[in-house]
Amino acid sequence: MARPIEELQFYLRAWRAWVRAWRAPLGAPSAVPWLGVIKATPSWESEDDSGVDSFILRAVDAEVESLPPHKRAAVRQYYLNEALTSMPRETLKALCDEAEAEMIPKLRIRGVVLGT
């Protein structure tokens, strides 16, 4: 059995791939000859390569975005490698650990089962 924190970290890694893969649909004329060679972009409704359901990924995304700004920045910097802050690595990891601990009960309320 996976512990809730390990499962959440797995979901956060899947969330990272899901967020990076998503691109806003810009719309393109169907007559463009090279359009067929462009790889299709996953939608918010699709699973990621790890097979995590889109419901879980959307719930994780919503919880990350609902974190206080300094914890949200830490999670996004730690998992997405976004340079939003210039925190020392130890501070970044500590804030990320706190955010993960806060997210577990909130995700359970959203119906995401952790630690089964």
PDB file of N, CA and C in Angstrom:
ATOM      1  N   MET A   1       0.829  -1.187   0.000  1.00  0.00           N
ATOM      2  CA  MET A   1       0.000   0.000   0.000  1.00  0.00           C
ATOM      3  C   MET A   1       0.873   1.251   0.000  1.00  0.00           C
ATOM      4  N   ALA A   2       0.498   2.173  -0.853  1.00  0.00           N
ATOM      5  CA  ALA A   2       1.234   3.429  -0.913  1.00  0.00           C
ATOM      6  C   ALA A   2       0.744   4.358   0.190  1.00  0.00           C
ATOM      7  N   ARG A   3       1.670   5.084   0.747  1.00  0.00           N
ATOM      8  CA  ARG A   3       1.286   6.097   1.733  1.00  0.00           C
ATOM      9  C   ARG A   3       0.693   7.285   1.001  1.00  0.00           C
ATOM     10  N   PRO A   4      -0.183   8.039   1.674  1.00  0.00           N
ATOM     11  CA  PRO A   4      -0.822   9.185   1.003  1.00  0.00           C
ATOM     12  C   PRO A   4       0.177  10.183   0.419  1.00  0.00           C
ATOM     13  N   ILE A   5       1.256  10.462   1.130  1.00  0.00           N
ATOM     14  CA  ILE A   5       2.215  11.461   0.637  1.00  0.00           C
ATOM     15  C   ILE A   5       2.927  10.952  -0.612  1.00  0.00           C
ATOM     16  N   GLU A   6       3.242   9.649  -0.647  1.00  0.00           N
ATOM     17  CA  GLU A   6       3.898   9.080  -1.832  1.00  0.00           C
ATOM     18  C   GLU A   6       2.966   9.097  -3.030  1.00  0.00           C
ATOM     19  N   GLU A   7       1.694   8.799  -2.792  1.00  0.00           N
ATOM     20  CA  GLU A   7       0.724   8.822  -3.875  1.00  0.00           C
ATOM     21  C   GLU A   7       0.513  10.252  -4.380  1.00  0.00           C
ATOM     22  N   LEU A   8       0.442  11.208  -3.469  1.00  0.00           N
ATOM     23  CA  LEU A   8       0.306  12.602  -3.875  1.00  0.00           C
ATOM     24  C   LEU A   8       1.513  13.040  -4.700  1.00  0.00           C
ATOM     25  N   GLN A   9       2.702  12.655  -4.291  1.00  0.00           N
ATOM     26  CA  GLN A   9       3.900  13.025  -5.055  1.00  0.00           C
ATOM     27  C   GLN A   9       3.871  12.400  -6.448  1.00  0.00           C
ATOM     28  N   PHE A  10       3.343  11.172  -6.561  1.00  0.00           N
ATOM     29  CA  PHE A  10       3.172  10.545  -7.873  1.00  0.00           C
ATOM     30  C   PHE A  10       2.198  11.374  -8.713  1.00  0.00           C
ATOM     31  N   TYR A  11       1.087  11.796  -8.102  1.00  0.00           N
ATOM     32  CA  TYR A  11       0.106  12.615  -8.814  1.00  0.00           C
ATOM     33  C   TYR A  11       0.693  13.970  -9.202  1.00  0.00           C
ATOM     34  N   LEU A  12       1.526  14.541  -8.346  1.00  0.00           N
ATOM     35  CA  LEU A  12       2.149  15.822  -8.680  1.00  0.00           C
ATOM     36  C   LEU A  12       3.124  15.673  -9.850  1.00  0.00           C
ATOM     37  N   ARG A  13       3.824  14.546  -9.931  1.00  0.00           N
ATOM     38  CA  ARG A  13       4.705  14.310 -11.081  1.00  0.00           C
ATOM     39  C   ARG A  13       3.878  14.115 -12.352  1.00  0.00           C
ATOM     40  N   ALA A  14       2.742  13.417 -12.235  1.00  0.00           N
ATOM     41  CA  ALA A  14       1.843  13.263 -13.386  1.00  0.00           C
ATOM     42  C   ALA A  14       1.250  14.622 -13.768  1.00  0.00           C
ATOM     43  N   TRP A  15       0.921  15.427 -12.762  1.00  0.00           N
ATOM     44  CA  TRP A  15       0.402  16.774 -12.994  1.00  0.00           C
ATOM     45  C   TRP A  15       1.421  17.607 -13.759  1.00  0.00           C
ATOM     46  N   ARG A  16       2.701  17.450 -13.399  1.00  0.00           N
ATOM     47  CA  ARG A  16       3.775  18.187 -14.091  1.00  0.00           C
ATOM     48  C   ARG A  16       3.748  17.864 -15.585  1.00  0.00           C
ATOM     49  N   ALA A  17       3.680  16.583 -15.926  1.00  0.00           N
ATOM     50  CA  ALA A  17       3.667  16.194 -17.334  1.00  0.00           C
ATOM     51  C   ALA A  17       2.397  16.697 -18.021  1.00  0.00           C
ATOM     52  N   TRP A  18       1.282  16.639 -17.310  1.00  0.00           N
ATOM     53  CA  TRP A  18      -0.007  17.072 -17.862  1.00  0.00           C
ATOM     54  C   TRP A  18      -0.001  18.573 -18.131  1.00  0.00           C
ATOM     55  N   VAL A  19       0.514  19.355 -17.184  1.00  0.00           N
ATOM     56  CA  VAL A  19       0.567  20.809 -17.355  1.00  0.00           C
ATOM     57  C   VAL A  19       1.507  21.175 -18.492  1.00  0.00           C
ATOM     58  N   ARG A  20       2.636  20.517 -18.565  1.00  0.00           N
ATOM     59  CA  ARG A  20       3.601  20.837 -19.620  1.00  0.00           C
ATOM     60  C   ARG A  20       3.098  20.450 -20.998  1.00  0.00           C
ATOM     61  N   ALA A  21       2.264  19.422 -21.068  1.00  0.00           N
ATOM     62  CA  ALA A  21       1.774  18.956 -22.363  1.00  0.00           C
ATOM     63  C   ALA A  21       0.631  19.804 -22.898  1.00  0.00           C
ATOM     64  N   TRP A  22      -0.089  20.465 -22.018  1.00  0.00           N
ATOM     65  CA  TRP A  22      -1.262  21.213 -22.456  1.00  0.00           C
ATOM     66  C   TRP A  22      -0.866  22.524 -23.109  1.00  0.00           C
ATOM     67  N   ARG A  23      -1.498  22.799 -24.212  1.00  0.00           N
ATOM     68  CA  ARG A  23      -1.322  24.081 -24.900  1.00  0.00           C
ATOM     69  C   ARG A  23      -2.705  24.608 -25.253  1.00  0.00           C
ATOM     70  N   ALA A  24      -2.864  25.877 -25.204  1.00  0.00           N
ATOM     71  CA  ALA A  24      -4.145  26.477 -25.553  1.00  0.00           C
ATOM     72  C   ALA A  24      -4.445  26.225 -27.021  1.00  0.00           C
ATOM     73  N   PRO A  25      -5.668  25.787 -27.315  1.00  0.00           N
ATOM     74  CA  PRO A  25      -6.004  25.600 -28.726  1.00  0.00           C
ATOM     75  C   PRO A  25      -6.089  26.957 -29.414  1.00  0.00           C
ATOM     76  N   LEU A  26      -5.277  27.137 -30.410  1.00  0.00           N
ATOM     77  CA  LEU A  26      -5.219  28.418 -31.090  1.00  0.00           C
ATOM     78  C   LEU A  26      -6.113  28.456 -32.312  1.00  0.00           C
ATOM     79  N   GLY A  27      -6.519  27.298 -32.769  1.00  0.00           N
ATOM     80  CA  GLY A  27      -7.350  27.233 -33.968  1.00  0.00           C
ATOM     81  C   GLY A  27      -6.500  27.467 -35.193  1.00  0.00           C
ATOM     82  N   ALA A  28      -6.719  26.682 -36.184  1.00  0.00           N
ATOM     83  CA  ALA A  28      -5.957  26.835 -37.418  1.00  0.00           C
ATOM     84  C   ALA A  28      -6.858  26.452 -38.580  1.00  0.00           C
ATOM     85  N   PRO A  29      -6.663  27.076 -39.706  1.00  0.00           N
ATOM     86  CA  PRO A  29      -7.466  26.699 -40.868  1.00  0.00           C
ATOM     87  C   PRO A  29      -7.183  25.247 -41.267  1.00  0.00           C
ATOM     88  N   SER A  30      -8.211  24.565 -41.688  1.00  0.00           N
ATOM     89  CA  SER A  30      -8.038  23.153 -42.047  1.00  0.00           C
ATOM     90  C   SER A  30      -7.289  22.974 -43.359  1.00  0.00           C
ATOM     91  N   ALA A  31      -7.131  24.031 -44.122  1.00  0.00           N
ATOM     92  CA  ALA A  31      -6.454  23.931 -45.409  1.00  0.00           C
ATOM     93  C   ALA A  31      -4.938  24.056 -45.302  1.00  0.00           C
ATOM     94  N   VAL A  32      -4.416  24.215 -44.094  1.00  0.00           N
ATOM     95  CA  VAL A  32      -2.971  24.365 -43.939  1.00  0.00           C
ATOM     96  C   VAL A  32      -2.324  23.000 -44.181  1.00  0.00           C
ATOM     97  N   PRO A  33      -1.427  22.873 -45.185  1.00  0.00           N
ATOM     98  CA  PRO A  33      -0.887  21.556 -45.548  1.00  0.00           C
ATOM     99  C   PRO A  33      -0.050  20.891 -44.460  1.00  0.00           C
ATOM    100  N   TRP A  34       0.674  21.638 -43.650  1.00  0.00           N
ATOM    101  CA  TRP A  34       1.559  21.039 -42.655  1.00  0.00           C
ATOM    102  C   TRP A  34       0.848  20.762 -41.347  1.00  0.00           C
ATOM    103  N   LEU A  35      -0.452  21.072 -41.244  1.00  0.00           N
ATOM    104  CA  LEU A  35      -1.191  20.877 -40.012  1.00  0.00           C
ATOM    105  C   LEU A  35      -1.227  19.406 -39.581  1.00  0.00           C
ATOM    106  N   GLY A  36      -1.205  18.511 -40.539  1.00  0.00           N
ATOM    107  CA  GLY A  36      -1.255  17.082 -40.224  1.00  0.00           C
ATOM    108  C   GLY A  36      -0.023  16.555 -39.521  1.00  0.00           C
ATOM    109  N   VAL A  37       1.105  17.252 -39.584  1.00  0.00           N
ATOM    110  CA  VAL A  37       2.325  16.763 -38.947  1.00  0.00           C
ATOM    111  C   VAL A  37       2.476  17.248 -37.511  1.00  0.00           C
ATOM    112  N   ILE A  38       1.610  18.150 -37.086  1.00  0.00           N
ATOM    113  CA  ILE A  38       1.684  18.665 -35.722  1.00  0.00           C
ATOM    114  C   ILE A  38       1.057  17.656 -34.782  1.00  0.00           C
ATOM    115  N   LYS A  39       1.770  17.339 -33.736  1.00  0.00           N
ATOM    116  CA  LYS A  39       1.273  16.396 -32.740  1.00  0.00           C
ATOM    117  C   LYS A  39       0.048  16.996 -32.044  1.00  0.00           C
ATOM    118  N   ALA A  40      -0.960  16.170 -31.843  1.00  0.00           N
ATOM    119  CA  ALA A  40      -2.162  16.631 -31.159  1.00  0.00           C
ATOM    120  C   ALA A  40      -1.823  17.006 -29.722  1.00  0.00           C
ATOM    121  N   THR A  41      -2.436  18.047 -29.242  1.00  0.00           N
ATOM    122  CA  THR A  41      -2.206  18.520 -27.881  1.00  0.00           C
ATOM    123  C   THR A  41      -3.235  17.914 -26.954  1.00  0.00           C
ATOM    124  N   PRO A  42      -2.809  17.352 -25.822  1.00  0.00           N
ATOM    125  CA  PRO A  42      -3.781  16.799 -24.885  1.00  0.00           C
ATOM    126  C   PRO A  42      -4.717  17.893 -24.366  1.00  0.00           C
ATOM    127  N   SER A  43      -5.924  17.519 -24.094  1.00  0.00           N
ATOM    128  CA  SER A  43      -6.870  18.480 -23.541  1.00  0.00           C
ATOM    129  C   SER A  43      -6.927  18.301 -22.034  1.00  0.00           C
ATOM    130  N   TRP A  44      -7.655  19.194 -21.375  1.00  0.00           N
ATOM    131  CA  TRP A  44      -7.818  19.091 -19.931  1.00  0.00           C
ATOM    132  C   TRP A  44      -8.586  17.832 -19.564  1.00  0.00           C
ATOM    133  N   GLU A  45      -9.242  17.201 -20.519  1.00  0.00           N
ATOM    134  CA  GLU A  45     -10.035  16.010 -20.248  1.00  0.00           C
ATOM    135  C   GLU A  45      -9.243  14.722 -20.431  1.00  0.00           C
ATOM    136  N   SER A  46      -8.036  14.793 -20.947  1.00  0.00           N
ATOM    137  CA  SER A  46      -7.299  13.573 -21.258  1.00  0.00           C
ATOM    138  C   SER A  46      -6.434  13.119 -20.096  1.00  0.00           C
ATOM    139  N   GLU A  47      -6.138  11.817 -20.109  1.00  0.00           N
ATOM    140  CA  GLU A  47      -5.205  11.262 -19.136  1.00  0.00           C
ATOM    141  C   GLU A  47      -3.797  11.607 -19.586  1.00  0.00           C
ATOM    142  N   ASP A  48      -2.859  11.530 -18.641  1.00  0.00           N
ATOM    143  CA  ASP A  48      -1.469  11.728 -19.033  1.00  0.00           C
ATOM    144  C   ASP A  48      -0.880  10.364 -19.379  1.00  0.00           C
ATOM    145  N   ASP A  49       0.408  10.322 -19.705  1.00  0.00           N
ATOM    146  CA  ASP A  49       1.051   9.063 -20.096  1.00  0.00           C
ATOM    147  C   ASP A  49       1.098   8.038 -18.971  1.00  0.00           C
ATOM    148  N   SER A  50       1.008   8.476 -17.733  1.00  0.00           N
ATOM    149  CA  SER A  50       1.063   7.536 -16.618  1.00  0.00           C
ATOM    150  C   SER A  50      -0.291   6.877 -16.357  1.00  0.00           C
ATOM    151  N   GLY A  51      -1.331   7.303 -17.075  1.00  0.00           N
ATOM    152  CA  GLY A  51      -2.649   6.718 -16.911  1.00  0.00           C
ATOM    153  C   GLY A  51      -3.467   7.314 -15.783  1.00  0.00           C
ATOM    154  N   VAL A  52      -3.016   8.421 -15.215  1.00  0.00           N
ATOM    155  CA  VAL A  52      -3.767   9.074 -14.140  1.00  0.00           C
ATOM    156  C   VAL A  52      -4.987   9.748 -14.755  1.00  0.00           C
ATOM    157  N   ASP A  53      -6.137   9.522 -14.169  1.00  0.00           N
ATOM    158  CA  ASP A  53      -7.393  10.059 -14.672  1.00  0.00           C
ATOM    159  C   ASP A  53      -7.379  11.587 -14.675  1.00  0.00           C
ATOM    160  N   SER A  54      -8.043  12.170 -15.659  1.00  0.00           N
ATOM    161  CA  SER A  54      -8.075  13.634 -15.767  1.00  0.00           C
ATOM    162  C   SER A  54      -8.776  14.276 -14.575  1.00  0.00           C
ATOM    163  N   PHE A  55      -9.719  13.572 -13.966  1.00  0.00           N
ATOM    164  CA  PHE A  55     -10.387  14.080 -12.763  1.00  0.00           C
ATOM    165  C   PHE A  55      -9.361  14.349 -11.659  1.00  0.00           C
ATOM    166  N   ILE A  56      -8.444  13.420 -11.466  1.00  0.00           N
ATOM    167  CA  ILE A  56      -7.410  13.571 -10.434  1.00  0.00           C
ATOM    168  C   ILE A  56      -6.476  14.715 -10.795  1.00  0.00           C
ATOM    169  N   LEU A  57      -6.073  14.781 -12.049  1.00  0.00           N
ATOM    170  CA  LEU A  57      -5.149  15.834 -12.469  1.00  0.00           C
ATOM    171  C   LEU A  57      -5.783  17.215 -12.328  1.00  0.00           C
ATOM    172  N   ARG A  58      -7.061  17.344 -12.665  1.00  0.00           N
ATOM    173  CA  ARG A  58      -7.738  18.629 -12.493  1.00  0.00           C
ATOM    174  C   ARG A  58      -7.874  18.986 -11.020  1.00  0.00           C
ATOM    175  N   ALA A  59      -8.132  17.976 -10.166  1.00  0.00           N
ATOM    176  CA  ALA A  59      -8.239  18.226  -8.721  1.00  0.00           C
ATOM    177  C   ALA A  59      -6.896  18.663  -8.155  1.00  0.00           C
ATOM    178  N   VAL A  60      -5.815  18.011  -8.566  1.00  0.00           N
ATOM    179  CA  VAL A  60      -4.473  18.392  -8.109  1.00  0.00           C
ATOM    180  C   VAL A  60      -4.160  19.809  -8.579  1.00  0.00           C
ATOM    181  N   ASP A  61      -4.483  20.112  -9.831  1.00  0.00           N
ATOM    182  CA  ASP A  61      -4.232  21.445 -10.362  1.00  0.00           C
ATOM    183  C   ASP A  61      -5.001  22.496  -9.560  1.00  0.00           C
ATOM    184  N   ALA A  62      -6.253  22.224  -9.251  1.00  0.00           N
ATOM    185  CA  ALA A  62      -7.063  23.179  -8.480  1.00  0.00           C
ATOM    186  C   ALA A  62      -6.489  23.377  -7.088  1.00  0.00           C
ATOM    187  N   GLU A  63      -6.018  22.314  -6.454  1.00  0.00           N
ATOM    188  CA  GLU A  63      -5.449  22.449  -5.107  1.00  0.00           C
ATOM    189  C   GLU A  63      -4.125  23.190  -5.129  1.00  0.00           C
ATOM    190  N   VAL A  64      -3.310  22.951  -6.140  1.00  0.00           N
ATOM    191  CA  VAL A  64      -2.048  23.699  -6.246  1.00  0.00           C
ATOM    192  C   VAL A  64      -2.355  25.187  -6.392  1.00  0.00           C
ATOM    193  N   GLU A  65      -3.322  25.511  -7.236  1.00  0.00           N
ATOM    194  CA  GLU A  65      -3.659  26.911  -7.463  1.00  0.00           C
ATOM    195  C   GLU A  65      -4.322  27.559  -6.253  1.00  0.00           C
ATOM    196  N   SER A  66      -4.911  26.765  -5.355  1.00  0.00           N
ATOM    197  CA  SER A  66      -5.573  27.336  -4.176  1.00  0.00           C
ATOM    198  C   SER A  66      -4.619  27.507  -2.985  1.00  0.00           C
ATOM    199  N   LEU A  67      -3.383  27.049  -3.126  1.00  0.00           N
ATOM    200  CA  LEU A  67      -2.405  27.203  -2.048  1.00  0.00           C
ATOM    201  C   LEU A  67      -2.069  28.679  -1.841  1.00  0.00           C
ATOM    202  N   PRO A  68      -1.616  29.033  -0.634  1.00  0.00           N
ATOM    203  CA  PRO A  68      -1.121  30.402  -0.440  1.00  0.00           C
ATOM    204  C   PRO A  68       0.028  30.680  -1.427  1.00  0.00           C
ATOM    205  N   PRO A  69       0.189  31.932  -1.833  1.00  0.00           N
ATOM    206  CA  PRO A  69       1.154  32.246  -2.896  1.00  0.00           C
ATOM    207  C   PRO A  69       2.559  31.688  -2.686  1.00  0.00           C
ATOM    208  N   HIS A  70       3.102  31.773  -1.478  1.00  0.00           N
ATOM    209  CA  HIS A  70       4.478  31.301  -1.283  1.00  0.00           C
ATOM    210  C   HIS A  70       4.573  29.781  -1.397  1.00  0.00           C
ATOM    211  N   LYS A  71       3.536  29.052  -0.979  1.00  0.00           N
ATOM    212  CA  LYS A  71       3.547  27.591  -1.107  1.00  0.00           C
ATOM    213  C   LYS A  71       3.260  27.177  -2.549  1.00  0.00           C
ATOM    214  N   ARG A  72       2.361  27.888  -3.203  1.00  0.00           N
ATOM    215  CA  ARG A  72       2.087  27.605  -4.616  1.00  0.00           C
ATOM    216  C   ARG A  72       3.359  27.808  -5.438  1.00  0.00           C
ATOM    217  N   ALA A  73       4.084  28.899  -5.164  1.00  0.00           N
ATOM    218  CA  ALA A  73       5.338  29.157  -5.881  1.00  0.00           C
ATOM    219  C   ALA A  73       6.351  28.055  -5.622  1.00  0.00           C
ATOM    220  N   ALA A  74       6.407  27.570  -4.381  1.00  0.00           N
ATOM    221  CA  ALA A  74       7.352  26.504  -4.045  1.00  0.00           C
ATOM    222  C   ALA A  74       7.010  25.217  -4.787  1.00  0.00           C
ATOM    223  N   VAL A  75       5.729  24.855  -4.817  1.00  0.00           N
ATOM    224  CA  VAL A  75       5.313  23.630  -5.518  1.00  0.00           C
ATOM    225  C   VAL A  75       5.585  23.760  -7.011  1.00  0.00           C
ATOM    226  N   ARG A  76       5.230  24.897  -7.584  1.00  0.00           N
ATOM    227  CA  ARG A  76       5.447  25.084  -9.016  1.00  0.00           C
ATOM    228  C   ARG A  76       6.942  25.113  -9.359  1.00  0.00           C
ATOM    229  N   GLN A  77       7.745  25.703  -8.488  1.00  0.00           N
ATOM    230  CA  GLN A  77       9.185  25.717  -8.747  1.00  0.00           C
ATOM    231  C   GLN A  77       9.764  24.318  -8.580  1.00  0.00           C
ATOM    232  N   TYR A  78       9.324  23.585  -7.566  1.00  0.00           N
ATOM    233  CA  TYR A  78       9.873  22.261  -7.300  1.00  0.00           C
ATOM    234  C   TYR A  78       9.464  21.251  -8.380  1.00  0.00           C
ATOM    235  N   TYR A  79       8.188  21.247  -8.762  1.00  0.00           N
ATOM    236  CA  TYR A  79       7.704  20.258  -9.720  1.00  0.00           C
ATOM    237  C   TYR A  79       7.779  20.710 -11.170  1.00  0.00           C
ATOM    238  N   LEU A  80       7.597  21.994 -11.436  1.00  0.00           N
ATOM    239  CA  LEU A  80       7.599  22.488 -12.810  1.00  0.00           C
ATOM    240  C   LEU A  80       8.897  23.186 -13.189  1.00  0.00           C
ATOM    241  N   ASN A  81       9.797  23.335 -12.233  1.00  0.00           N
ATOM    242  CA  ASN A  81      11.069  24.021 -12.452  1.00  0.00           C
ATOM    243  C   ASN A  81      10.864  25.462 -12.918  1.00  0.00           C
ATOM    244  N   GLU A  82       9.762  26.065 -12.457  1.00  0.00           N
ATOM    245  CA  GLU A  82       9.532  27.465 -12.771  1.00  0.00           C
ATOM    246  C   GLU A  82      10.359  28.319 -11.821  1.00  0.00           C
ATOM    247  N   ALA A  83      11.073  29.254 -12.339  1.00  0.00           N
ATOM    248  CA  ALA A  83      11.913  30.129 -11.518  1.00  0.00           C
ATOM    249  C   ALA A  83      11.081  31.304 -11.024  1.00  0.00           C
ATOM    250  N   LEU A  84      10.151  31.025 -10.118  1.00  0.00           N
ATOM    251  CA  LEU A  84       9.278  32.064  -9.594  1.00  0.00           C
ATOM    252  C   LEU A  84       9.878  32.773  -8.390  1.00  0.00           C
ATOM    253  N   THR A  85      10.744  32.082  -7.704  1.00  0.00           N
ATOM    254  CA  THR A  85      11.357  32.644  -6.505  1.00  0.00           C
ATOM    255  C   THR A  85      12.838  32.319  -6.499  1.00  0.00           C
ATOM    256  N   SER A  86      13.542  32.928  -5.597  1.00  0.00           N
ATOM    257  CA  SER A  86      14.960  32.607  -5.450  1.00  0.00           C
ATOM    258  C   SER A  86      15.192  32.000  -4.068  1.00  0.00           C
ATOM    259  N   MET A  87      14.326  31.062  -3.685  1.00  0.00           N
ATOM    260  CA  MET A  87      14.441  30.422  -2.370  1.00  0.00           C
ATOM    261  C   MET A  87      15.600  29.440  -2.351  1.00  0.00           C
ATOM    262  N   PRO A  88      16.252  29.327  -1.212  1.00  0.00           N
ATOM    263  CA  PRO A  88      17.246  28.261  -1.074  1.00  0.00           C
ATOM    264  C   PRO A  88      16.551  26.902  -1.202  1.00  0.00           C
ATOM    265  N   ARG A  89      17.249  25.910  -1.688  1.00  0.00           N
ATOM    266  CA  ARG A  89      16.666  24.579  -1.941  1.00  0.00           C
ATOM    267  C   ARG A  89      16.019  23.992  -0.677  1.00  0.00           C
ATOM    268  N   GLU A  90      16.629  24.190   0.486  1.00  0.00           N
ATOM    269  CA  GLU A  90      16.087  23.633   1.735  1.00  0.00           C
ATOM    270  C   GLU A  90      14.748  24.281   2.075  1.00  0.00           C
ATOM    271  N   THR A  91      14.660  25.597   1.915  1.00  0.00           N
ATOM    272  CA  THR A  91      13.414  26.317   2.180  1.00  0.00           C
ATOM    273  C   THR A  91      12.345  25.897   1.185  1.00  0.00           C
ATOM    274  N   LEU A  92      12.747  25.770  -0.067  1.00  0.00           N
ATOM    275  CA  LEU A  92      11.826  25.346  -1.111  1.00  0.00           C
ATOM    276  C   LEU A  92      11.234  23.974  -0.785  1.00  0.00           C
ATOM    277  N   LYS A  93      12.074  23.027  -0.412  1.00  0.00           N
ATOM    278  CA  LYS A  93      11.609  21.673  -0.093  1.00  0.00           C
ATOM    279  C   LYS A  93      10.720  21.686   1.143  1.00  0.00           C
ATOM    280  N   ALA A  94      11.062  22.472   2.155  1.00  0.00           N
ATOM    281  CA  ALA A  94      10.247  22.539   3.372  1.00  0.00           C
ATOM    282  C   ALA A  94       8.859  23.100   3.066  1.00  0.00           C
ATOM    283  N   LEU A  95       8.786  24.164   2.269  1.00  0.00           N
ATOM    284  CA  LEU A  95       7.492  24.733   1.888  1.00  0.00           C
ATOM    285  C   LEU A  95       6.688  23.754   1.034  1.00  0.00           C
ATOM    286  N   CYS A  96       7.374  23.045   0.168  1.00  0.00           N
ATOM    287  CA  CYS A  96       6.707  22.062  -0.681  1.00  0.00           C
ATOM    288  C   CYS A  96       6.148  20.922   0.173  1.00  0.00           C
ATOM    289  N   ASP A  97       6.906  20.472   1.169  1.00  0.00           N
ATOM    290  CA  ASP A  97       6.430  19.420   2.078  1.00  0.00           C
ATOM    291  C   ASP A  97       5.189  19.881   2.847  1.00  0.00           C
ATOM    292  N   GLU A  98       5.200  21.126   3.319  1.00  0.00           N
ATOM    293  CA  GLU A  98       4.037  21.675   4.022  1.00  0.00           C
ATOM    294  C   GLU A  98       2.824  21.735   3.093  1.00  0.00           C
ATOM    295  N   ALA A  99       3.042  22.177   1.863  1.00  0.00           N
ATOM    296  CA  ALA A  99       1.949  22.271   0.896  1.00  0.00           C
ATOM    297  C   ALA A  99       1.368  20.893   0.598  1.00  0.00           C
ATOM    298  N   GLU A 100       2.234  19.903   0.431  1.00  0.00           N
ATOM    299  CA  GLU A 100       1.764  18.543   0.168  1.00  0.00           C
ATOM    300  C   GLU A 100       0.917  18.027   1.328  1.00  0.00           C
ATOM    301  N   ALA A 101       1.360  18.282   2.561  1.00  0.00           N
ATOM    302  CA  ALA A 101       0.605  17.844   3.733  1.00  0.00           C
ATOM    303  C   ALA A 101      -0.761  18.526   3.793  1.00  0.00           C
ATOM    304  N   GLU A 102      -0.829  19.783   3.394  1.00  0.00           N
ATOM    305  CA  GLU A 102      -2.099  20.510   3.375  1.00  0.00           C
ATOM    306  C   GLU A 102      -3.031  20.021   2.272  1.00  0.00           C
ATOM    307  N   MET A 103      -2.450  19.557   1.176  1.00  0.00           N
ATOM    308  CA  MET A 103      -3.254  19.153   0.028  1.00  0.00           C
ATOM    309  C   MET A 103      -3.962  17.815   0.233  1.00  0.00           C
ATOM    310  N   ILE A 104      -3.394  16.932   1.037  1.00  0.00           N
ATOM    311  CA  ILE A 104      -3.960  15.587   1.187  1.00  0.00           C
ATOM    312  C   ILE A 104      -5.412  15.622   1.669  1.00  0.00           C
ATOM    313  N   PRO A 105      -5.742  16.273   2.797  1.00  0.00           N
ATOM    314  CA  PRO A 105      -7.154  16.271   3.209  1.00  0.00           C
ATOM    315  C   PRO A 105      -8.070  16.996   2.223  1.00  0.00           C
ATOM    316  N   LYS A 106      -7.561  18.037   1.568  1.00  0.00           N
ATOM    317  CA  LYS A 106      -8.377  18.770   0.604  1.00  0.00           C
ATOM    318  C   LYS A 106      -8.680  17.925  -0.630  1.00  0.00           C
ATOM    319  N   LEU A 107      -7.707  17.126  -1.059  1.00  0.00           N
ATOM    320  CA  LEU A 107      -7.944  16.249  -2.202  1.00  0.00           C
ATOM    321  C   LEU A 107      -8.919  15.136  -1.842  1.00  0.00           C
ATOM    322  N   ARG A 108      -8.851  14.660  -0.602  1.00  0.00           N
ATOM    323  CA  ARG A 108      -9.813  13.636  -0.167  1.00  0.00           C
ATOM    324  C   ARG A 108     -11.232  14.194  -0.194  1.00  0.00           C
ATOM    325  N   ILE A 109     -11.394  15.451   0.202  1.00  0.00           N
ATOM    326  CA  ILE A 109     -12.710  16.091   0.136  1.00  0.00           C
ATOM    327  C   ILE A 109     -13.195  16.158  -1.303  1.00  0.00           C
ATOM    328  N   ARG A 110     -12.290  16.382  -2.235  1.00  0.00           N
ATOM    329  CA  ARG A 110     -12.637  16.433  -3.655  1.00  0.00           C
ATOM    330  C   ARG A 110     -12.910  15.046  -4.236  1.00  0.00           C
ATOM    331  N   GLY A 111     -12.694  14.000  -3.461  1.00  0.00           N
ATOM    332  CA  GLY A 111     -12.972  12.645  -3.940  1.00  0.00           C
ATOM    333  C   GLY A 111     -11.768  11.896  -4.461  1.00  0.00           C
ATOM    334  N   VAL A 112     -10.575  12.461  -4.298  1.00  0.00           N
ATOM    335  CA  VAL A 112      -9.351  11.783  -4.714  1.00  0.00           C
ATOM    336  C   VAL A 112      -8.894  10.913  -3.552  1.00  0.00           C
ATOM    337  N   VAL A 113      -8.875   9.606  -3.777  1.00  0.00           N
ATOM    338  CA  VAL A 113      -8.497   8.661  -2.734  1.00  0.00           C
ATOM    339  C   VAL A 113      -6.979   8.546  -2.718  1.00  0.00           C
ATOM    340  N   LEU A 114      -6.394   8.795  -1.573  1.00  0.00           N
ATOM    341  CA  LEU A 114      -4.930   8.710  -1.420  1.00  0.00           C
ATOM    342  C   LEU A 114      -4.604   7.675  -0.345  1.00  0.00           C
ATOM    343  N   GLY A 115      -3.581   6.905  -0.600  1.00  0.00           N
ATOM    344  CA  GLY A 115      -3.098   5.964   0.407  1.00  0.00           C
ATOM    345  C   GLY A 115      -3.894   4.694   0.482  1.00  0.00           C
ATOM    346  N   THR A 116      -4.292   4.172  -0.667  1.00  0.00           N
ATOM    347  CA  THR A 116      -5.042   2.916  -0.658  1.00  0.00           C
ATOM    348  C   THR A 116      -4.157   1.739  -0.861  1.00  0.00           C
TER     349      THR A 116
END
